[in-house]
Amino acid sequence: MIIAGILVTVKEEKKAEIKDVLSSFAEVTIYEVEETDRIVLVLEAKSRKELKNFVEREIASLAGVINAAPAYTNSELDILNSKEDELILN
């Protein structure tokens, strides 16, 4: 399991709409919405590839998102389930 903190920078006029969309994903927990153009969230994924794909396809592609970038990642090494993760983590 990969857990990542994601900083999402948005156009302020789209912030409420983007927050609603992000809240609808089971993998996403919004921990803080600053009084600026940023949304802070935690994303859970099964692999680094799934994390990357989710950020690119489901977050960064939303209308009004300027940038979506991991601020930190953490993985549970004992449940690796793909060769790709083994190569990345070794």
N, C-alpha and C. Protein backbone atom coordinates (compact mmCIF):
# COMPACT_ATOMS: atom_id res chain seq x y z
N MET A 1 0.85 -1.18 0.00
CA MET A 1 0.00 0.00 0.00
C MET A 1 0.89 1.23 0.00
N ILE A 2 0.56 2.15 -0.87
CA ILE A 2 1.25 3.43 -0.95
C ILE A 2 0.30 4.49 -0.41
N ILE A 3 0.80 5.33 0.47
CA ILE A 3 0.03 6.45 0.99
C ILE A 3 0.80 7.71 0.63
N ALA A 4 0.12 8.67 0.01
CA ALA A 4 0.79 9.89 -0.43
C ALA A 4 0.00 11.11 -0.03
N GLY A 5 0.72 12.13 0.39
CA GLY A 5 0.14 13.44 0.61
C GLY A 5 0.27 14.21 -0.70
N ILE A 6 -0.83 14.74 -1.20
CA ILE A 6 -0.85 15.43 -2.47
C ILE A 6 -1.25 16.88 -2.25
N LEU A 7 -0.49 17.79 -2.83
CA LEU A 7 -0.83 19.21 -2.81
C LEU A 7 -1.41 19.55 -4.17
N VAL A 8 -2.66 19.99 -4.17
CA VAL A 8 -3.35 20.32 -5.41
C VAL A 8 -3.55 21.83 -5.45
N THR A 9 -3.00 22.47 -6.48
CA THR A 9 -3.18 23.90 -6.68
C THR A 9 -4.27 24.08 -7.72
N VAL A 10 -5.24 24.92 -7.41
CA VAL A 10 -6.41 25.07 -8.27
C VAL A 10 -6.71 26.54 -8.55
N LYS A 11 -7.53 26.77 -9.58
CA LYS A 11 -8.07 28.10 -9.81
C LYS A 11 -9.12 28.33 -8.72
N GLU A 12 -9.02 29.45 -8.03
CA GLU A 12 -9.88 29.68 -6.86
C GLU A 12 -11.36 29.57 -7.18
N GLU A 13 -11.78 30.00 -8.37
CA GLU A 13 -13.20 29.94 -8.72
C GLU A 13 -13.69 28.51 -8.94
N LYS A 14 -12.79 27.54 -9.08
CA LYS A 14 -13.16 26.14 -9.28
C LYS A 14 -12.93 25.29 -8.03
N LYS A 15 -12.44 25.90 -6.97
CA LYS A 15 -12.02 25.15 -5.79
C LYS A 15 -13.14 24.31 -5.18
N ALA A 16 -14.31 24.86 -4.98
CA ALA A 16 -15.42 24.12 -4.36
C ALA A 16 -15.82 22.94 -5.23
N GLU A 17 -15.90 23.15 -6.52
CA GLU A 17 -16.26 22.08 -7.46
C GLU A 17 -15.22 20.96 -7.45
N ILE A 18 -13.95 21.31 -7.46
CA ILE A 18 -12.87 20.32 -7.44
C ILE A 18 -12.88 19.56 -6.12
N LYS A 19 -13.09 20.26 -5.02
CA LYS A 19 -13.15 19.61 -3.71
C LYS A 19 -14.28 18.58 -3.68
N ASP A 20 -15.43 18.91 -4.25
CA ASP A 20 -16.55 17.98 -4.29
C ASP A 20 -16.20 16.73 -5.09
N VAL A 21 -15.55 16.91 -6.23
CA VAL A 21 -15.15 15.76 -7.06
C VAL A 21 -14.15 14.89 -6.30
N LEU A 22 -13.14 15.51 -5.71
CA LEU A 22 -12.12 14.76 -4.97
C LEU A 22 -12.72 14.00 -3.79
N SER A 23 -13.69 14.59 -3.14
CA SER A 23 -14.34 13.95 -1.99
C SER A 23 -15.11 12.70 -2.39
N SER A 24 -15.46 12.58 -3.66
CA SER A 24 -16.24 11.43 -4.12
C SER A 24 -15.41 10.16 -4.32
N PHE A 25 -14.09 10.29 -4.34
CA PHE A 25 -13.21 9.13 -4.53
C PHE A 25 -12.93 8.45 -3.19
N ALA A 26 -13.14 7.13 -3.14
CA ALA A 26 -12.88 6.37 -1.91
C ALA A 26 -11.41 6.42 -1.50
N GLU A 27 -10.51 6.55 -2.47
CA GLU A 27 -9.07 6.55 -2.22
C GLU A 27 -8.55 7.86 -1.65
N VAL A 28 -9.40 8.89 -1.64
CA VAL A 28 -8.96 10.24 -1.29
C VAL A 28 -9.58 10.67 0.04
N THR A 29 -8.74 11.25 0.90
CA THR A 29 -9.20 11.89 2.12
C THR A 29 -8.68 13.31 2.11
N ILE A 30 -9.57 14.28 2.19
CA ILE A 30 -9.15 15.67 2.24
C ILE A 30 -8.92 16.03 3.70
N TYR A 31 -7.70 16.42 4.03
CA TYR A 31 -7.35 16.76 5.41
C TYR A 31 -7.41 18.24 5.67
N GLU A 32 -7.16 19.03 4.65
CA GLU A 32 -7.15 20.46 4.87
C GLU A 32 -7.42 21.16 3.56
N VAL A 33 -8.24 22.16 3.63
CA VAL A 33 -8.44 23.04 2.49
C VAL A 33 -8.06 24.42 2.97
N GLU A 34 -6.92 24.89 2.50
CA GLU A 34 -6.44 26.19 2.94
C GLU A 34 -7.30 27.30 2.35
N GLU A 35 -7.21 28.47 2.93
CA GLU A 35 -7.95 29.63 2.43
C GLU A 35 -7.19 30.28 1.29
N THR A 36 -6.57 29.47 0.47
CA THR A 36 -5.85 29.96 -0.70
C THR A 36 -6.30 29.12 -1.88
N ASP A 37 -5.42 28.94 -2.83
CA ASP A 37 -5.75 28.17 -4.03
C ASP A 37 -5.25 26.73 -3.92
N ARG A 38 -5.12 26.20 -2.70
CA ARG A 38 -4.56 24.86 -2.52
C ARG A 38 -5.52 23.94 -1.75
N ILE A 39 -5.46 22.66 -2.13
CA ILE A 39 -6.18 21.61 -1.43
C ILE A 39 -5.15 20.56 -1.05
N VAL A 40 -5.14 20.14 0.22
CA VAL A 40 -4.24 19.11 0.70
C VAL A 40 -5.04 17.84 0.90
N LEU A 41 -4.54 16.72 0.35
CA LEU A 41 -5.26 15.47 0.50
C LEU A 41 -4.30 14.31 0.67
N VAL A 42 -4.84 13.19 1.15
CA VAL A 42 -4.09 11.94 1.25
C VAL A 42 -4.73 10.96 0.29
N LEU A 43 -3.88 10.28 -0.47
CA LEU A 43 -4.33 9.33 -1.48
C LEU A 43 -3.73 7.97 -1.18
N GLU A 44 -4.54 6.93 -1.22
CA GLU A 44 -4.07 5.56 -1.02
C GLU A 44 -4.11 4.82 -2.35
N ALA A 45 -3.05 4.06 -2.63
CA ALA A 45 -2.98 3.29 -3.88
C ALA A 45 -2.26 1.98 -3.60
N LYS A 46 -2.47 0.99 -4.48
CA LYS A 46 -1.84 -0.31 -4.31
C LYS A 46 -0.38 -0.32 -4.76
N SER A 47 -0.02 0.59 -5.68
CA SER A 47 1.35 0.63 -6.19
C SER A 47 1.71 2.06 -6.58
N ARG A 48 2.98 2.28 -6.81
CA ARG A 48 3.42 3.61 -7.26
C ARG A 48 2.85 3.94 -8.63
N LYS A 49 2.74 2.93 -9.47
CA LYS A 49 2.17 3.15 -10.80
C LYS A 49 0.70 3.57 -10.69
N GLU A 50 -0.06 2.90 -9.83
CA GLU A 50 -1.47 3.26 -9.62
C GLU A 50 -1.58 4.68 -9.07
N LEU A 51 -0.69 5.04 -8.16
CA LEU A 51 -0.67 6.39 -7.59
C LEU A 51 -0.44 7.42 -8.70
N LYS A 52 0.58 7.19 -9.49
CA LYS A 52 0.92 8.10 -10.60
C LYS A 52 -0.25 8.24 -11.56
N ASN A 53 -0.84 7.11 -11.96
CA ASN A 53 -1.96 7.14 -12.89
C ASN A 53 -3.16 7.88 -12.31
N PHE A 54 -3.45 7.66 -11.03
CA PHE A 54 -4.59 8.32 -10.41
C PHE A 54 -4.39 9.83 -10.38
N VAL A 55 -3.20 10.26 -9.98
CA VAL A 55 -2.93 11.70 -9.93
C VAL A 55 -3.07 12.31 -11.32
N GLU A 56 -2.50 11.66 -12.32
CA GLU A 56 -2.56 12.20 -13.68
C GLU A 56 -3.97 12.17 -14.27
N ARG A 57 -4.67 11.04 -14.14
CA ARG A 57 -5.96 10.85 -14.81
C ARG A 57 -7.15 11.42 -14.06
N GLU A 58 -7.13 11.34 -12.74
CA GLU A 58 -8.31 11.72 -11.96
C GLU A 58 -8.19 13.08 -11.28
N ILE A 59 -6.97 13.54 -11.02
CA ILE A 59 -6.81 14.82 -10.32
C ILE A 59 -6.30 15.90 -11.26
N ALA A 60 -5.13 15.70 -11.84
CA ALA A 60 -4.51 16.73 -12.68
C ALA A 60 -5.35 17.07 -13.90
N SER A 61 -6.18 16.14 -14.35
CA SER A 61 -6.98 16.38 -15.56
C SER A 61 -8.28 17.14 -15.29
N LEU A 62 -8.61 17.39 -14.02
CA LEU A 62 -9.83 18.12 -13.70
C LEU A 62 -9.71 19.58 -14.16
N ALA A 63 -10.80 20.10 -14.73
CA ALA A 63 -10.83 21.50 -15.13
C ALA A 63 -10.61 22.38 -13.90
N GLY A 64 -9.66 23.27 -13.99
CA GLY A 64 -9.36 24.18 -12.89
C GLY A 64 -8.17 23.76 -12.04
N VAL A 65 -7.66 22.55 -12.24
CA VAL A 65 -6.46 22.12 -11.51
C VAL A 65 -5.23 22.66 -12.23
N ILE A 66 -4.42 23.39 -11.51
CA ILE A 66 -3.20 23.96 -12.07
C ILE A 66 -2.05 22.97 -11.92
N ASN A 67 -1.97 22.33 -10.75
CA ASN A 67 -0.89 21.37 -10.47
C ASN A 67 -1.35 20.40 -9.38
N ALA A 68 -0.90 19.16 -9.49
CA ALA A 68 -1.15 18.15 -8.46
C ALA A 68 0.15 17.38 -8.29
N ALA A 69 0.75 17.49 -7.10
CA ALA A 69 2.05 16.88 -6.89
C ALA A 69 2.14 16.24 -5.51
N PRO A 70 2.75 15.04 -5.44
CA PRO A 70 2.96 14.42 -4.13
C PRO A 70 3.92 15.25 -3.27
N ALA A 71 3.55 15.49 -2.03
CA ALA A 71 4.43 16.18 -1.09
C ALA A 71 5.21 15.15 -0.27
N TYR A 72 4.63 13.95 -0.09
CA TYR A 72 5.33 12.85 0.57
C TYR A 72 4.67 11.54 0.13
N THR A 73 5.42 10.46 0.24
CA THR A 73 4.86 9.13 0.01
C THR A 73 5.39 8.19 1.08
N ASN A 74 4.61 7.18 1.41
CA ASN A 74 5.00 6.17 2.37
C ASN A 74 4.49 4.84 1.84
N SER A 75 5.28 3.79 1.98
CA SER A 75 4.83 2.48 1.50
C SER A 75 5.04 1.43 2.58
N GLU A 76 4.19 0.43 2.55
CA GLU A 76 4.31 -0.70 3.46
C GLU A 76 5.03 -1.80 2.70
N LEU A 77 6.28 -2.01 3.00
CA LEU A 77 7.13 -2.92 2.23
C LEU A 77 6.69 -4.38 2.33
N ASP A 78 6.00 -4.75 3.38
CA ASP A 78 5.66 -6.15 3.57
C ASP A 78 4.51 -6.63 2.69
N ILE A 79 3.86 -5.76 1.96
CA ILE A 79 2.77 -6.21 1.12
C ILE A 79 3.00 -5.90 -0.36
N LEU A 80 4.25 -5.90 -0.76
CA LEU A 80 4.55 -5.69 -2.18
C LEU A 80 3.89 -6.78 -3.00
N ASN A 81 3.29 -6.38 -4.10
CA ASN A 81 2.62 -7.38 -4.92
C ASN A 81 2.97 -7.26 -6.40
N SER A 82 4.03 -6.54 -6.71
CA SER A 82 4.43 -6.48 -8.11
C SER A 82 5.93 -6.31 -8.24
N LYS A 83 6.49 -6.83 -9.31
CA LYS A 83 7.93 -6.70 -9.56
C LYS A 83 8.31 -5.23 -9.73
N GLU A 84 7.41 -4.43 -10.31
CA GLU A 84 7.71 -3.02 -10.51
C GLU A 84 7.99 -2.34 -9.19
N ASP A 85 7.16 -2.59 -8.16
CA ASP A 85 7.38 -1.99 -6.85
C ASP A 85 8.70 -2.47 -6.25
N GLU A 86 9.03 -3.74 -6.42
CA GLU A 86 10.29 -4.25 -5.89
C GLU A 86 11.47 -3.51 -6.51
N LEU A 87 11.41 -3.27 -7.79
CA LEU A 87 12.51 -2.56 -8.47
C LEU A 87 12.61 -1.12 -8.01
N ILE A 88 11.47 -0.46 -7.83
CA ILE A 88 11.48 0.93 -7.39
C ILE A 88 12.00 1.05 -5.97
N LEU A 89 11.58 0.14 -5.10
CA LEU A 89 11.89 0.27 -3.69
C LEU A 89 13.27 -0.30 -3.31
N ASN A 90 13.89 -1.09 -4.15
CA ASN A 90 15.21 -1.65 -3.83
C ASN A 90 16.32 -0.78 -4.31
